[in-house]
Amino acid sequence: MPPPDTLAINKAVVRKFLEAMPERDLDAIGECLAEDVVQHYQRPTIQNDNGSQSAAFLKGRDNILAEIRTHYYRLYRPGSIRVTIEGMVAEGEFVSARFVLAATTTGRGEAYENYYHFLYRCHGGKVVEYWEYVDTRYAARMLFS
């Protein structure tokens, strides 16, 4: 078991990552991610932020930041994104974070509120891997239809 300060560091980097998303602070988001970070899309649908189901994961900080800039932020009206962290638990290299993402969708102009649960693996004060869990049916209807 890592020392308690490692657990606090891991939780802090995940919190920084989540809190930087609504602010569109790509520099802060990038600071949280290891260079070779892997983002796993939700299974079994593997719905990607570009609306496709073309990949089960995305690798590399630069690729993830490009996807956030190009696709993720285009899903929601600027200034409308809110992330509310409901809980975080850390054990070993892992941080589990439950949060609500609320925003106004760009495509439909409607209120979006979905409940997420991400599992992050951290090492050396950076996120090295993470898995996304979300209500994919709701997300597909609100964001991609």
N, C-alpha and C. Protein backbone atom coordinates (compact mmCIF):
# COMPACT_ATOMS: atom_id res chain seq x y z
N MET A 1 0.85 -1.18 0.00
CA MET A 1 0.00 0.00 0.00
C MET A 1 0.90 1.24 0.00
N PRO A 2 0.63 2.20 -0.91
CA PRO A 2 1.45 3.41 -0.94
C PRO A 2 1.21 4.27 0.30
N PRO A 3 2.16 5.13 0.61
CA PRO A 3 1.97 6.02 1.76
C PRO A 3 0.77 6.94 1.55
N PRO A 4 0.16 7.42 2.64
CA PRO A 4 -1.02 8.27 2.54
C PRO A 4 -0.81 9.50 1.65
N ASP A 5 0.40 10.07 1.64
CA ASP A 5 0.61 11.26 0.82
C ASP A 5 0.50 10.94 -0.67
N THR A 6 0.85 9.72 -1.08
CA THR A 6 0.69 9.31 -2.47
C THR A 6 -0.78 9.25 -2.84
N LEU A 7 -1.60 8.73 -1.95
CA LEU A 7 -3.03 8.69 -2.19
C LEU A 7 -3.60 10.10 -2.35
N ALA A 8 -3.16 11.02 -1.50
CA ALA A 8 -3.61 12.41 -1.58
C ALA A 8 -3.15 13.06 -2.88
N ILE A 9 -1.93 12.77 -3.30
CA ILE A 9 -1.41 13.31 -4.57
C ILE A 9 -2.23 12.78 -5.74
N ASN A 10 -2.54 11.49 -5.72
CA ASN A 10 -3.33 10.89 -6.80
C ASN A 10 -4.73 11.51 -6.87
N LYS A 11 -5.36 11.67 -5.72
CA LYS A 11 -6.69 12.29 -5.70
C LYS A 11 -6.62 13.75 -6.17
N ALA A 12 -5.57 14.44 -5.80
CA ALA A 12 -5.43 15.85 -6.20
C ALA A 12 -5.27 15.99 -7.71
N VAL A 13 -4.53 15.10 -8.34
CA VAL A 13 -4.35 15.21 -9.80
C VAL A 13 -5.65 14.88 -10.52
N VAL A 14 -6.42 13.93 -10.02
CA VAL A 14 -7.72 13.61 -10.62
C VAL A 14 -8.68 14.78 -10.44
N ARG A 15 -8.69 15.37 -9.27
CA ARG A 15 -9.56 16.54 -9.01
C ARG A 15 -9.19 17.69 -9.95
N LYS A 16 -7.90 17.94 -10.10
CA LYS A 16 -7.44 19.01 -10.99
C LYS A 16 -7.89 18.74 -12.43
N PHE A 17 -7.75 17.49 -12.88
CA PHE A 17 -8.19 17.09 -14.22
C PHE A 17 -9.68 17.38 -14.41
N LEU A 18 -10.50 16.92 -13.48
CA LEU A 18 -11.95 17.11 -13.60
C LEU A 18 -12.35 18.58 -13.51
N GLU A 19 -11.73 19.32 -12.63
CA GLU A 19 -12.08 20.73 -12.47
C GLU A 19 -11.60 21.59 -13.63
N ALA A 20 -10.59 21.15 -14.36
CA ALA A 20 -10.09 21.90 -15.52
C ALA A 20 -10.97 21.71 -16.75
N MET A 21 -11.77 20.63 -16.79
CA MET A 21 -12.59 20.35 -17.97
C MET A 21 -13.60 21.46 -18.26
N PRO A 22 -14.41 21.91 -17.31
CA PRO A 22 -15.38 22.96 -17.63
C PRO A 22 -14.70 24.29 -18.00
N GLU A 23 -13.52 24.51 -17.45
CA GLU A 23 -12.79 25.75 -17.71
C GLU A 23 -12.11 25.75 -19.09
N ARG A 24 -12.13 24.58 -19.75
CA ARG A 24 -11.46 24.42 -21.05
C ARG A 24 -9.97 24.74 -20.93
N ASP A 25 -9.40 24.38 -19.79
CA ASP A 25 -8.00 24.67 -19.51
C ASP A 25 -7.14 23.49 -19.96
N LEU A 26 -6.82 23.47 -21.25
CA LEU A 26 -6.07 22.35 -21.80
C LEU A 26 -4.66 22.26 -21.23
N ASP A 27 -4.08 23.37 -20.81
CA ASP A 27 -2.76 23.33 -20.18
C ASP A 27 -2.83 22.56 -18.86
N ALA A 28 -3.83 22.88 -18.04
CA ALA A 28 -3.98 22.19 -16.75
C ALA A 28 -4.31 20.72 -16.96
N ILE A 29 -5.17 20.43 -17.93
CA ILE A 29 -5.50 19.04 -18.22
C ILE A 29 -4.25 18.29 -18.64
N GLY A 30 -3.46 18.88 -19.53
CA GLY A 30 -2.22 18.26 -19.99
C GLY A 30 -1.23 18.01 -18.86
N GLU A 31 -1.17 18.92 -17.89
CA GLU A 31 -0.28 18.74 -16.74
C GLU A 31 -0.64 17.51 -15.92
N CYS A 32 -1.89 17.10 -15.98
CA CYS A 32 -2.36 15.96 -15.19
C CYS A 32 -2.05 14.62 -15.85
N LEU A 33 -1.76 14.63 -17.14
CA LEU A 33 -1.63 13.40 -17.91
C LEU A 33 -0.19 13.05 -18.20
N ALA A 34 0.15 11.77 -18.03
CA ALA A 34 1.46 11.28 -18.45
C ALA A 34 1.53 11.34 -19.98
N GLU A 35 2.72 11.41 -20.52
CA GLU A 35 2.90 11.52 -21.96
C GLU A 35 2.26 10.36 -22.71
N ASP A 36 2.35 9.14 -22.15
CA ASP A 36 1.83 7.94 -22.83
C ASP A 36 0.52 7.44 -22.20
N VAL A 37 -0.26 8.35 -21.63
CA VAL A 37 -1.54 8.02 -20.99
C VAL A 37 -2.46 7.28 -21.96
N VAL A 38 -3.29 6.40 -21.40
CA VAL A 38 -4.28 5.67 -22.20
C VAL A 38 -5.67 5.96 -21.64
N GLN A 39 -6.57 6.38 -22.54
CA GLN A 39 -7.97 6.59 -22.20
C GLN A 39 -8.77 5.45 -22.80
N HIS A 40 -9.47 4.70 -21.95
CA HIS A 40 -10.31 3.59 -22.41
C HIS A 40 -11.75 4.08 -22.52
N TYR A 41 -12.36 3.88 -23.68
CA TYR A 41 -13.77 4.25 -23.84
C TYR A 41 -14.65 3.22 -23.16
N GLN A 42 -15.87 3.63 -22.83
CA GLN A 42 -16.79 2.76 -22.12
C GLN A 42 -17.11 1.51 -22.93
N ARG A 43 -17.19 0.43 -22.21
CA ARG A 43 -17.51 -0.85 -22.85
C ARG A 43 -18.94 -1.21 -22.52
N PRO A 44 -19.65 -1.89 -23.37
CA PRO A 44 -19.21 -2.46 -24.64
C PRO A 44 -19.41 -1.54 -25.84
N THR A 45 -20.03 -0.36 -25.65
CA THR A 45 -20.35 0.47 -26.81
C THR A 45 -19.14 1.16 -27.44
N ILE A 46 -18.12 1.42 -26.66
CA ILE A 46 -16.93 2.18 -27.06
C ILE A 46 -17.29 3.45 -27.84
N GLN A 47 -18.27 4.18 -27.33
CA GLN A 47 -18.68 5.45 -27.95
C GLN A 47 -17.55 6.46 -27.79
N ASN A 48 -16.97 6.91 -28.89
CA ASN A 48 -15.89 7.90 -28.89
C ASN A 48 -16.49 9.30 -28.87
N ASP A 49 -15.72 10.29 -28.46
CA ASP A 49 -16.21 11.67 -28.39
C ASP A 49 -16.50 12.26 -29.76
N ASN A 50 -16.04 11.63 -30.82
CA ASN A 50 -16.35 12.12 -32.17
C ASN A 50 -17.65 11.51 -32.71
N GLY A 51 -18.32 10.70 -31.88
CA GLY A 51 -19.58 10.10 -32.28
C GLY A 51 -19.44 8.72 -32.91
N SER A 52 -18.21 8.30 -33.17
CA SER A 52 -18.00 6.98 -33.78
C SER A 52 -17.79 5.92 -32.71
N GLN A 53 -17.68 4.71 -33.16
CA GLN A 53 -17.32 3.59 -32.29
C GLN A 53 -16.11 2.90 -32.90
N SER A 54 -15.12 3.71 -33.26
CA SER A 54 -14.00 3.25 -34.06
C SER A 54 -12.81 2.74 -33.27
N ALA A 55 -12.75 3.02 -31.97
CA ALA A 55 -11.58 2.61 -31.20
C ALA A 55 -11.99 2.32 -29.76
N ALA A 56 -11.35 1.32 -29.17
CA ALA A 56 -11.63 0.97 -27.78
C ALA A 56 -10.84 1.85 -26.81
N PHE A 57 -9.79 2.51 -27.32
CA PHE A 57 -8.97 3.36 -26.46
C PHE A 57 -8.27 4.41 -27.30
N LEU A 58 -7.72 5.40 -26.63
CA LEU A 58 -6.93 6.45 -27.25
C LEU A 58 -5.66 6.58 -26.43
N LYS A 59 -4.51 6.63 -27.10
CA LYS A 59 -3.23 6.65 -26.39
C LYS A 59 -2.46 7.93 -26.69
N GLY A 60 -1.87 8.48 -25.64
CA GLY A 60 -0.99 9.63 -25.76
C GLY A 60 -1.65 10.94 -25.34
N ARG A 61 -0.92 11.70 -24.53
CA ARG A 61 -1.43 12.99 -24.03
C ARG A 61 -1.83 13.90 -25.18
N ASP A 62 -0.99 14.03 -26.20
CA ASP A 62 -1.30 14.93 -27.31
C ASP A 62 -2.56 14.50 -28.05
N ASN A 63 -2.75 13.20 -28.23
CA ASN A 63 -3.96 12.70 -28.90
C ASN A 63 -5.22 12.95 -28.07
N ILE A 64 -5.10 12.76 -26.76
CA ILE A 64 -6.25 12.99 -25.88
C ILE A 64 -6.61 14.47 -25.84
N LEU A 65 -5.60 15.34 -25.74
CA LEU A 65 -5.87 16.78 -25.74
C LEU A 65 -6.48 17.22 -27.07
N ALA A 66 -6.00 16.66 -28.17
CA ALA A 66 -6.58 17.00 -29.48
C ALA A 66 -8.03 16.56 -29.56
N GLU A 67 -8.35 15.39 -29.02
CA GLU A 67 -9.73 14.92 -29.04
C GLU A 67 -10.62 15.82 -28.17
N ILE A 68 -10.13 16.20 -27.00
CA ILE A 68 -10.89 17.09 -26.13
C ILE A 68 -11.16 18.41 -26.87
N ARG A 69 -10.13 18.98 -27.45
CA ARG A 69 -10.26 20.26 -28.15
C ARG A 69 -11.18 20.15 -29.36
N THR A 70 -11.02 19.10 -30.14
CA THR A 70 -11.71 18.97 -31.42
C THR A 70 -13.13 18.43 -31.28
N HIS A 71 -13.34 17.47 -30.38
CA HIS A 71 -14.64 16.80 -30.31
C HIS A 71 -15.40 17.07 -29.01
N TYR A 72 -14.77 16.82 -27.87
CA TYR A 72 -15.46 16.94 -26.59
C TYR A 72 -16.05 18.34 -26.40
N TYR A 73 -15.24 19.37 -26.61
CA TYR A 73 -15.74 20.72 -26.37
C TYR A 73 -16.77 21.16 -27.40
N ARG A 74 -16.84 20.53 -28.53
CA ARG A 74 -17.86 20.86 -29.52
C ARG A 74 -19.22 20.26 -29.18
N LEU A 75 -19.26 19.32 -28.24
CA LEU A 75 -20.52 18.72 -27.84
C LEU A 75 -21.37 19.65 -26.98
N TYR A 76 -20.70 20.60 -26.29
CA TYR A 76 -21.37 21.44 -25.30
C TYR A 76 -21.16 22.92 -25.61
N ARG A 77 -22.18 23.73 -25.34
CA ARG A 77 -22.06 25.18 -25.55
C ARG A 77 -20.99 25.74 -24.62
N PRO A 78 -20.16 26.64 -25.16
CA PRO A 78 -19.13 27.27 -24.32
C PRO A 78 -19.74 27.92 -23.08
N GLY A 79 -19.08 27.72 -21.97
CA GLY A 79 -19.52 28.31 -20.71
C GLY A 79 -20.63 27.56 -19.99
N SER A 80 -21.13 26.48 -20.59
CA SER A 80 -22.26 25.78 -19.97
C SER A 80 -21.86 24.52 -19.20
N ILE A 81 -20.63 24.08 -19.32
CA ILE A 81 -20.21 22.82 -18.69
C ILE A 81 -20.01 23.01 -17.18
N ARG A 82 -20.60 22.07 -16.43
CA ARG A 82 -20.40 22.01 -14.98
C ARG A 82 -20.06 20.58 -14.60
N VAL A 83 -19.05 20.42 -13.80
CA VAL A 83 -18.69 19.10 -13.28
C VAL A 83 -18.82 19.16 -11.77
N THR A 84 -19.65 18.27 -11.23
CA THR A 84 -19.84 18.19 -9.78
C THR A 84 -19.32 16.83 -9.32
N ILE A 85 -18.25 16.85 -8.58
CA ILE A 85 -17.66 15.61 -8.06
C ILE A 85 -18.50 15.15 -6.87
N GLU A 86 -19.03 13.94 -6.98
CA GLU A 86 -19.87 13.39 -5.91
C GLU A 86 -19.07 12.58 -4.91
N GLY A 87 -17.93 12.04 -5.34
CA GLY A 87 -17.11 11.24 -4.43
C GLY A 87 -15.86 10.74 -5.11
N MET A 88 -14.82 10.59 -4.31
CA MET A 88 -13.55 10.04 -4.79
C MET A 88 -13.00 9.09 -3.73
N VAL A 89 -12.46 7.97 -4.21
CA VAL A 89 -11.84 6.99 -3.33
C VAL A 89 -10.51 6.60 -3.95
N ALA A 90 -9.47 6.54 -3.15
CA ALA A 90 -8.14 6.18 -3.65
C ALA A 90 -7.65 4.93 -2.93
N GLU A 91 -7.05 4.06 -3.72
CA GLU A 91 -6.41 2.85 -3.18
C GLU A 91 -5.28 2.48 -4.12
N GLY A 92 -4.09 2.32 -3.57
CA GLY A 92 -2.94 2.00 -4.40
C GLY A 92 -2.74 3.09 -5.45
N GLU A 93 -2.59 2.69 -6.71
CA GLU A 93 -2.41 3.64 -7.81
C GLU A 93 -3.74 4.13 -8.38
N PHE A 94 -4.86 3.65 -7.85
CA PHE A 94 -6.16 3.91 -8.44
C PHE A 94 -6.96 4.96 -7.68
N VAL A 95 -7.66 5.78 -8.46
CA VAL A 95 -8.62 6.74 -7.92
C VAL A 95 -9.92 6.54 -8.66
N SER A 96 -10.98 6.33 -7.92
CA SER A 96 -12.32 6.21 -8.47
C SER A 96 -13.03 7.54 -8.23
N ALA A 97 -13.61 8.09 -9.28
CA ALA A 97 -14.30 9.38 -9.15
C ALA A 97 -15.70 9.28 -9.75
N ARG A 98 -16.70 9.61 -8.92
CA ARG A 98 -18.08 9.72 -9.39
C ARG A 98 -18.37 11.20 -9.55
N PHE A 99 -18.92 11.56 -10.73
CA PHE A 99 -19.23 12.97 -10.94
C PHE A 99 -20.40 13.12 -11.90
N VAL A 100 -21.01 14.30 -11.83
CA VAL A 100 -22.10 14.65 -12.73
C VAL A 100 -21.57 15.70 -13.69
N LEU A 101 -21.80 15.45 -14.98
CA LEU A 101 -21.47 16.45 -15.99
C LEU A 101 -22.79 17.02 -16.49
N ALA A 102 -22.95 18.32 -16.33
CA ALA A 102 -24.15 19.01 -16.80
C ALA A 102 -23.70 20.10 -17.76
N ALA A 103 -24.48 20.31 -18.81
CA ALA A 103 -24.15 21.32 -19.82
C ALA A 103 -25.36 21.51 -20.72
N THR A 104 -25.23 22.46 -21.63
CA THR A 104 -26.20 22.62 -22.70
C THR A 104 -25.57 22.05 -23.96
N THR A 105 -26.27 21.15 -24.62
CA THR A 105 -25.71 20.52 -25.81
C THR A 105 -25.66 21.52 -26.96
N THR A 106 -24.65 21.36 -27.79
CA THR A 106 -24.52 22.21 -28.97
C THR A 106 -25.54 21.80 -30.02
N GLY A 107 -25.62 20.51 -30.29
CA GLY A 107 -26.48 20.01 -31.36
C GLY A 107 -27.95 20.22 -31.12
N ARG A 108 -28.43 19.92 -29.92
CA ARG A 108 -29.86 19.98 -29.63
C ARG A 108 -30.26 21.23 -28.84
N GLY A 109 -29.28 21.90 -28.24
CA GLY A 109 -29.59 23.07 -27.43
C GLY A 109 -30.35 22.73 -26.17
N GLU A 110 -30.22 21.49 -25.71
CA GLU A 110 -30.97 21.02 -24.54
C GLU A 110 -30.04 20.82 -23.35
N ALA A 111 -30.67 20.79 -22.18
CA ALA A 111 -29.92 20.52 -20.95
C ALA A 111 -29.49 19.06 -20.95
N TYR A 112 -28.23 18.84 -20.66
CA TYR A 112 -27.63 17.50 -20.57
C TYR A 112 -27.16 17.33 -19.14
N GLU A 113 -27.48 16.20 -18.55
CA GLU A 113 -26.98 15.87 -17.22
C GLU A 113 -26.79 14.37 -17.16
N ASN A 114 -25.54 13.95 -17.09
CA ASN A 114 -25.24 12.52 -17.07
C ASN A 114 -24.33 12.23 -15.89
N TYR A 115 -24.41 11.00 -15.43
CA TYR A 115 -23.68 10.56 -14.26
C TYR A 115 -22.54 9.66 -14.71
N TYR A 116 -21.34 10.03 -14.31
CA TYR A 116 -20.12 9.37 -14.75
C TYR A 116 -19.42 8.72 -13.57
N HIS A 117 -18.66 7.70 -13.90
CA HIS A 117 -17.78 7.05 -12.92
C HIS A 117 -16.52 6.69 -13.69
N PHE A 118 -15.46 7.39 -13.41
CA PHE A 118 -14.18 7.14 -14.06
C PHE A 118 -13.27 6.45 -13.05
N LEU A 119 -12.45 5.56 -13.57
CA LEU A 119 -11.40 4.92 -12.77
C LEU A 119 -10.07 5.36 -13.36
N TYR A 120 -9.26 6.00 -12.53
CA TYR A 120 -7.96 6.52 -12.96
C TYR A 120 -6.85 5.69 -12.32
N ARG A 121 -5.79 5.43 -13.09
CA ARG A 121 -4.57 4.86 -12.53
C ARG A 121 -3.50 5.93 -12.62
N CYS A 122 -2.89 6.23 -11.49
CA CYS A 122 -1.91 7.31 -11.40
C CYS A 122 -0.54 6.77 -11.03
N HIS A 123 0.47 7.47 -11.49
CA HIS A 123 1.85 7.12 -11.13
C HIS A 123 2.69 8.39 -11.26
N GLY A 124 3.49 8.67 -10.24
CA GLY A 124 4.36 9.83 -10.28
C GLY A 124 3.63 11.15 -10.39
N GLY A 125 2.44 11.23 -9.81
CA GLY A 125 1.68 12.47 -9.82
C GLY A 125 0.97 12.77 -11.13
N LYS A 126 0.86 11.76 -11.99
CA LYS A 126 0.19 11.92 -13.28
C LYS A 126 -0.81 10.79 -13.49
N VAL A 127 -1.84 11.06 -14.28
CA VAL A 127 -2.78 10.03 -14.71
C VAL A 127 -2.10 9.27 -15.84
N VAL A 128 -1.97 7.94 -15.69
CA VAL A 128 -1.33 7.13 -16.72
C VAL A 128 -2.34 6.29 -17.51
N GLU A 129 -3.54 6.15 -16.96
CA GLU A 129 -4.57 5.35 -17.62
C GLU A 129 -5.90 5.66 -16.97
N TYR A 130 -6.97 5.69 -17.78
CA TYR A 130 -8.29 5.85 -17.18
C TYR A 130 -9.37 5.21 -18.03
N TRP A 131 -10.44 4.81 -17.32
CA TRP A 131 -11.58 4.11 -17.90
C TRP A 131 -12.83 4.94 -17.65
N GLU A 132 -13.67 5.04 -18.66
CA GLU A 132 -14.89 5.83 -18.59
C GLU A 132 -16.11 4.92 -18.47
N TYR A 133 -16.99 5.24 -17.53
CA TYR A 133 -18.26 4.54 -17.37
C TYR A 133 -19.36 5.60 -17.31
N VAL A 134 -20.41 5.42 -18.14
CA VAL A 134 -21.45 6.43 -18.28
C VAL A 134 -22.70 5.76 -18.84
N ASP A 135 -23.83 6.42 -18.70
CA ASP A 135 -25.06 5.96 -19.33
C ASP A 135 -24.93 6.25 -20.83
N THR A 136 -24.49 5.27 -21.58
CA THR A 136 -24.20 5.47 -23.01
C THR A 136 -25.45 5.68 -23.84
N ARG A 137 -26.55 5.07 -23.45
CA ARG A 137 -27.79 5.25 -24.22
C ARG A 137 -28.24 6.71 -24.15
N TYR A 138 -28.23 7.26 -22.95
CA TYR A 138 -28.61 8.66 -22.77
C TYR A 138 -27.63 9.57 -23.52
N ALA A 139 -26.34 9.34 -23.37
CA ALA A 139 -25.34 10.18 -24.03
C ALA A 139 -25.50 10.14 -25.54
N ALA A 140 -25.70 8.96 -26.11
CA ALA A 140 -25.86 8.84 -27.56
C ALA A 140 -27.09 9.61 -28.04
N ARG A 141 -28.19 9.51 -27.30
CA ARG A 141 -29.42 10.20 -27.69
C ARG A 141 -29.23 11.72 -27.62
N MET A 142 -28.59 12.20 -26.57
CA MET A 142 -28.48 13.64 -26.37
C MET A 142 -27.35 14.29 -27.17
N LEU A 143 -26.28 13.54 -27.42
CA LEU A 143 -25.11 14.15 -28.04
C LEU A 143 -24.87 13.78 -29.49
N PHE A 144 -25.37 12.63 -29.92
CA PHE A 144 -25.00 12.14 -31.25
C PHE A 144 -26.17 11.85 -32.16
N SER A 145 -27.40 12.16 -31.75
CA SER A 145 -28.53 11.86 -32.63
C SER A 145 -29.09 13.15 -33.22
